[in-house]
Amino acid sequence: MASYDLRCTSCGKDFEVFVIGFLKDEAKVCPDCGGREVQQRFTGFGGVTGLLSGSCLETGSCQPRSSCSPGSGFS
């Protein structure tokens, strides 16, 4: 299932549509005003990166971990 971020050009509402496969015209309907003039918004992926606490995002220094132990899970 794919999700698409859309914006209605009539009322300005930002909304998300979930579809199986590709986005088709019949799915491009604003939930607020019913308008069909919508634009696809290109947004970042909201997935998990797998970075751990204390990683380079927090410290600014990316160094590989020397070991993987049961106590070193996500925090």
C-alpha atoms as a PDB file:
ATOM      1  CA  MET A   1       0.000   0.000   0.000  1.00  0.00           C
ATOM      2  CA  ALA A   2       1.316   3.423  -0.908  1.00  0.00           C
ATOM      3  CA  SER A   3       0.610   6.771   0.710  1.00  0.00           C
ATOM      4  CA  TYR A   4       0.565  10.060  -1.170  1.00  0.00           C
ATOM      5  CA  ASP A   5       0.675  13.549   0.344  1.00  0.00           C
ATOM      6  CA  LEU A   6      -1.587  15.932  -1.522  1.00  0.00           C
ATOM      7  CA  ARG A   7      -2.653  19.590  -1.325  1.00  0.00           C
ATOM      8  CA  CYS A   8      -5.978  20.920  -2.555  1.00  0.00           C
ATOM      9  CA  THR A   9      -5.459  23.977  -4.753  1.00  0.00           C
ATOM     10  CA  SER A  10      -9.039  25.140  -4.052  1.00  0.00           C
ATOM     11  CA  CYS A  11      -9.032  25.293  -0.236  1.00  0.00           C
ATOM     12  CA  GLY A  12      -5.353  24.702   0.647  1.00  0.00           C
ATOM     13  CA  LYS A  13      -5.987  21.551   2.718  1.00  0.00           C
ATOM     14  CA  ASP A  14      -3.023  19.164   3.037  1.00  0.00           C
ATOM     15  CA  PHE A  15      -4.117  15.522   3.185  1.00  0.00           C
ATOM     16  CA  GLU A  16      -2.874  11.981   2.701  1.00  0.00           C
ATOM     17  CA  VAL A  17      -4.326   9.240   0.496  1.00  0.00           C
ATOM     18  CA  PHE A  18      -3.602   5.523   0.873  1.00  0.00           C
ATOM     19  CA  VAL A  19      -3.972   3.423  -2.269  1.00  0.00           C
ATOM     20  CA  ILE A  20      -2.915   0.058  -3.593  1.00  0.00           C
ATOM     21  CA  GLY A  21      -0.630   0.669  -6.549  1.00  0.00           C
ATOM     22  CA  PHE A  22      -0.318   4.002  -8.280  1.00  0.00           C
ATOM     23  CA  LEU A  23      -2.289   7.162  -7.512  1.00  0.00           C
ATOM     24  CA  LYS A  24      -5.200   7.500  -9.938  1.00  0.00           C
ATOM     25  CA  ASP A  25      -7.344  10.550 -10.672  1.00  0.00           C
ATOM     26  CA  GLU A  26     -10.390   9.119  -8.873  1.00  0.00           C
ATOM     27  CA  ALA A  27      -8.422   9.073  -5.584  1.00  0.00           C
ATOM     28  CA  LYS A  28      -7.461  12.750  -5.917  1.00  0.00           C
ATOM     29  CA  VAL A  29     -10.410  14.294  -4.050  1.00  0.00           C
ATOM     30  CA  CYS A  30     -10.092  16.797  -1.197  1.00  0.00           C
ATOM     31  CA  PRO A  31     -11.773  15.446   1.966  1.00  0.00           C
ATOM     32  CA  ASP A  32     -12.780  18.984   3.043  1.00  0.00           C
ATOM     33  CA  CYS A  33     -14.223  20.667  -0.042  1.00  0.00           C
ATOM     34  CA  GLY A  34     -14.520  17.769  -2.514  1.00  0.00           C
ATOM     35  CA  GLY A  35     -12.281  19.599  -4.988  1.00  0.00           C
ATOM     36  CA  ARG A  36     -10.457  17.580  -7.618  1.00  0.00           C
ATOM     37  CA  GLU A  37      -7.721  20.132  -8.314  1.00  0.00           C
ATOM     38  CA  VAL A  38      -4.965  18.699  -6.135  1.00  0.00           C
ATOM     39  CA  GLN A  39      -1.192  18.682  -6.328  1.00  0.00           C
ATOM     40  CA  GLN A  40       1.107  15.960  -5.092  1.00  0.00           C
ATOM     41  CA  ARG A  41       3.444  17.109  -2.338  1.00  0.00           C
ATOM     42  CA  PHE A  42       6.865  15.493  -2.193  1.00  0.00           C
ATOM     43  CA  THR A  43       7.707  14.863   1.431  1.00  0.00           C
ATOM     44  CA  GLY A  44      10.353  12.860   3.245  1.00  0.00           C
ATOM     45  CA  PHE A  45       9.956   9.215   4.108  1.00  0.00           C
ATOM     46  CA  GLY A  46       8.913   8.621   7.705  1.00  0.00           C
ATOM     47  CA  GLY A  47      10.689   5.297   8.220  1.00  0.00           C
ATOM     48  CA  VAL A  48      12.989   4.084  10.947  1.00  0.00           C
ATOM     49  CA  THR A  49      16.648   4.784  10.316  1.00  0.00           C
ATOM     50  CA  GLY A  50      18.042   2.286  12.791  1.00  0.00           C
ATOM     51  CA  LEU A  51      20.319   4.831  14.478  1.00  0.00           C
ATOM     52  CA  LEU A  52      20.886   4.344  18.178  1.00  0.00           C
ATOM     53  CA  SER A  53      20.903   6.841  21.011  1.00  0.00           C
ATOM     54  CA  GLY A  54      24.304   8.499  21.176  1.00  0.00           C
ATOM     55  CA  SER A  55      24.740   8.094  17.441  1.00  0.00           C
ATOM     56  CA  CYS A  56      26.158  10.651  15.041  1.00  0.00           C
ATOM     57  CA  LEU A  57      22.820  12.499  14.969  1.00  0.00           C
ATOM     58  CA  GLU A  58      23.292  13.436  18.608  1.00  0.00           C
ATOM     59  CA  THR A  59      27.081  13.670  18.850  1.00  0.00           C
ATOM     60  CA  GLY A  60      28.044  14.876  15.365  1.00  0.00           C
ATOM     61  CA  SER A  61      30.712  12.165  15.220  1.00  0.00           C
ATOM     62  CA  CYS A  62      29.841   9.050  13.233  1.00  0.00           C
ATOM     63  CA  GLN A  63      31.874   6.111  14.425  1.00  0.00           C
ATOM     64  CA  PRO A  64      30.962   2.452  13.858  1.00  0.00           C
ATOM     65  CA  ARG A  65      30.027   0.498  16.950  1.00  0.00           C
ATOM     66  CA  SER A  66      32.648  -2.056  17.940  1.00  0.00           C
ATOM     67  CA  SER A  67      30.197  -4.687  19.139  1.00  0.00           C
ATOM     68  CA  CYS A  68      26.575  -5.589  19.326  1.00  0.00           C
ATOM     69  CA  SER A  69      25.402  -6.768  22.698  1.00  0.00           C
ATOM     70  CA  PRO A  70      21.891  -7.516  23.998  1.00  0.00           C
ATOM     71  CA  GLY A  71      21.969  -4.333  26.090  1.00  0.00           C
ATOM     72  CA  SER A  72      22.757  -2.037  23.155  1.00  0.00           C
ATOM     73  CA  GLY A  73      19.263  -1.935  21.633  1.00  0.00           C
ATOM     74  CA  PHE A  74      17.237   1.060  20.576  1.00  0.00           C
ATOM     75  CA  SER A  75      16.417   3.606  23.208  1.00  0.00           C
END
